[in-house]
Amino acid sequence: MLSALIGLLVVGIVAFVVLTVLLAIFGVIFGLAFGFLGLLFTLAVKILPIVLVGWLVVKLIQRGERSAARARLSAEDRAWLDS
């Protein structure tokens, strides 16, 4: 009788430890998954609009510099470049 109770106690402790380890592993997996989703959300909502605005500003500045450079060229130089 006593050996049966001790056996059940040992099985219960082992099951508790195994269940704790499995839940910890699932917690890490879900934590990493939700962390990755949070990172994607941060990139999509906060960082990408700023990058897009910066890219547009750079393109507008480059366009302005290009047209200013063309305005400084003489007619002969422009004709030579266009040919």
C-alpha atoms as a PDB file:
ATOM      1  CA  MET A   1       0.000   0.000   0.000  1.00  0.00           C
ATOM      2  CA  LEU A   2       2.749   2.427   0.960  1.00  0.00           C
ATOM      3  CA  SER A   3       4.762   1.519  -2.143  1.00  0.00           C
ATOM      4  CA  ALA A   4       1.714   2.194  -4.325  1.00  0.00           C
ATOM      5  CA  LEU A   5       1.276   5.656  -2.773  1.00  0.00           C
ATOM      6  CA  ILE A   6       4.954   6.467  -3.219  1.00  0.00           C
ATOM      7  CA  GLY A   7       4.748   5.234  -6.821  1.00  0.00           C
ATOM      8  CA  LEU A   8       1.743   7.476  -7.490  1.00  0.00           C
ATOM      9  CA  LEU A   9       3.540  10.409  -5.856  1.00  0.00           C
ATOM     10  CA  VAL A  10       6.611   9.879  -8.062  1.00  0.00           C
ATOM     11  CA  VAL A  11       4.439   9.567 -11.188  1.00  0.00           C
ATOM     12  CA  GLY A  12       2.572  12.740 -10.211  1.00  0.00           C
ATOM     13  CA  ILE A  13       5.823  14.688  -9.668  1.00  0.00           C
ATOM     14  CA  VAL A  14       7.265  13.450 -12.985  1.00  0.00           C
ATOM     15  CA  ALA A  15       4.038  14.322 -14.810  1.00  0.00           C
ATOM     16  CA  PHE A  16       4.043  17.781 -13.221  1.00  0.00           C
ATOM     17  CA  VAL A  17       7.649  18.395 -14.301  1.00  0.00           C
ATOM     18  CA  VAL A  18       6.966  17.163 -17.850  1.00  0.00           C
ATOM     19  CA  LEU A  19       3.829  19.287 -18.114  1.00  0.00           C
ATOM     20  CA  THR A  20       5.724  22.343 -16.821  1.00  0.00           C
ATOM     21  CA  VAL A  21       8.499  21.863 -19.380  1.00  0.00           C
ATOM     22  CA  LEU A  22       6.009  21.400 -22.235  1.00  0.00           C
ATOM     23  CA  LEU A  23       4.070  24.511 -21.259  1.00  0.00           C
ATOM     24  CA  ALA A  24       7.324  26.475 -21.039  1.00  0.00           C
ATOM     25  CA  ILE A  25       8.288  25.335 -24.545  1.00  0.00           C
ATOM     26  CA  PHE A  26       4.870  26.313 -25.925  1.00  0.00           C
ATOM     27  CA  GLY A  27       5.158  29.661 -24.154  1.00  0.00           C
ATOM     28  CA  VAL A  28       8.514  30.346 -25.791  1.00  0.00           C
ATOM     29  CA  ILE A  29       7.157  29.385 -29.221  1.00  0.00           C
ATOM     30  CA  PHE A  30       4.081  31.598 -28.880  1.00  0.00           C
ATOM     31  CA  GLY A  31       6.165  34.424 -27.426  1.00  0.00           C
ATOM     32  CA  LEU A  32       8.555  34.364 -30.369  1.00  0.00           C
ATOM     33  CA  ALA A  33       5.680  34.177 -32.854  1.00  0.00           C
ATOM     34  CA  PHE A  34       3.854  37.148 -31.334  1.00  0.00           C
ATOM     35  CA  GLY A  35       7.126  39.041 -31.003  1.00  0.00           C
ATOM     36  CA  PHE A  36       7.780  38.537 -34.704  1.00  0.00           C
ATOM     37  CA  LEU A  37       4.253  39.700 -35.536  1.00  0.00           C
ATOM     38  CA  GLY A  38       4.806  42.771 -33.366  1.00  0.00           C
ATOM     39  CA  LEU A  39       8.036  43.498 -35.222  1.00  0.00           C
ATOM     40  CA  LEU A  40       6.257  43.217 -38.574  1.00  0.00           C
ATOM     41  CA  PHE A  41       3.493  45.517 -37.322  1.00  0.00           C
ATOM     42  CA  THR A  42       6.078  48.052 -36.142  1.00  0.00           C
ATOM     43  CA  LEU A  43       7.821  47.955 -39.501  1.00  0.00           C
ATOM     44  CA  ALA A  44       4.592  48.276 -41.465  1.00  0.00           C
ATOM     45  CA  VAL A  45       2.977  51.044 -39.429  1.00  0.00           C
ATOM     46  CA  LYS A  46       5.790  53.121 -37.970  1.00  0.00           C
ATOM     47  CA  ILE A  47       8.958  52.727 -40.013  1.00  0.00           C
ATOM     48  CA  LEU A  48       7.838  52.181 -43.618  1.00  0.00           C
ATOM     49  CA  PRO A  49       5.939  55.501 -43.927  1.00  0.00           C
ATOM     50  CA  ILE A  50       9.030  57.379 -42.728  1.00  0.00           C
ATOM     51  CA  VAL A  51      11.218  55.503 -45.209  1.00  0.00           C
ATOM     52  CA  LEU A  52       8.717  56.214 -47.990  1.00  0.00           C
ATOM     53  CA  VAL A  53       8.693  59.948 -47.243  1.00  0.00           C
ATOM     54  CA  GLY A  54      12.507  59.994 -47.168  1.00  0.00           C
ATOM     55  CA  TRP A  55      12.679  58.174 -50.475  1.00  0.00           C
ATOM     56  CA  LEU A  56      10.251  60.640 -52.071  1.00  0.00           C
ATOM     57  CA  VAL A  57      12.261  63.609 -50.781  1.00  0.00           C
ATOM     58  CA  VAL A  58      15.476  62.153 -52.200  1.00  0.00           C
ATOM     59  CA  LYS A  59      13.822  61.551 -55.583  1.00  0.00           C
ATOM     60  CA  LEU A  60      12.478  65.122 -55.683  1.00  0.00           C
ATOM     61  CA  ILE A  61      15.900  66.543 -54.819  1.00  0.00           C
ATOM     62  CA  GLN A  62      17.545  64.397 -57.493  1.00  0.00           C
ATOM     63  CA  ARG A  63      14.979  65.535 -60.057  1.00  0.00           C
ATOM     64  CA  GLY A  64      15.622  69.186 -59.145  1.00  0.00           C
ATOM     65  CA  GLU A  65      19.391  68.752 -59.418  1.00  0.00           C
ATOM     66  CA  ARG A  66      19.025  67.025 -62.769  1.00  0.00           C
ATOM     67  CA  SER A  67      16.878  69.801 -64.233  1.00  0.00           C
ATOM     68  CA  ALA A  68      19.217  72.468 -62.817  1.00  0.00           C
ATOM     69  CA  ALA A  69      22.173  70.704 -64.430  1.00  0.00           C
ATOM     70  CA  ARG A  70      20.358  70.610 -67.780  1.00  0.00           C
ATOM     71  CA  ALA A  71      19.598  74.338 -67.519  1.00  0.00           C
ATOM     72  CA  ARG A  72      23.326  75.119 -67.164  1.00  0.00           C
ATOM     73  CA  LEU A  73      24.221  73.293 -70.367  1.00  0.00           C
ATOM     74  CA  SER A  74      24.588  75.210 -73.563  1.00  0.00           C
ATOM     75  CA  ALA A  75      22.375  74.454 -76.554  1.00  0.00           C
ATOM     76  CA  GLU A  76      25.227  72.672 -78.358  1.00  0.00           C
ATOM     77  CA  ASP A  77      25.957  70.497 -75.353  1.00  0.00           C
ATOM     78  CA  ARG A  78      22.269  69.588 -74.964  1.00  0.00           C
ATOM     79  CA  ALA A  79      22.045  68.710 -78.656  1.00  0.00           C
ATOM     80  CA  TRP A  80      25.159  66.554 -78.365  1.00  0.00           C
ATOM     81  CA  LEU A  81      23.754  64.749 -75.271  1.00  0.00           C
ATOM     82  CA  ASP A  82      20.369  64.191 -76.893  1.00  0.00           C
ATOM     83  CA  SER A  83      21.884  62.731 -80.065  1.00  0.00           C
END
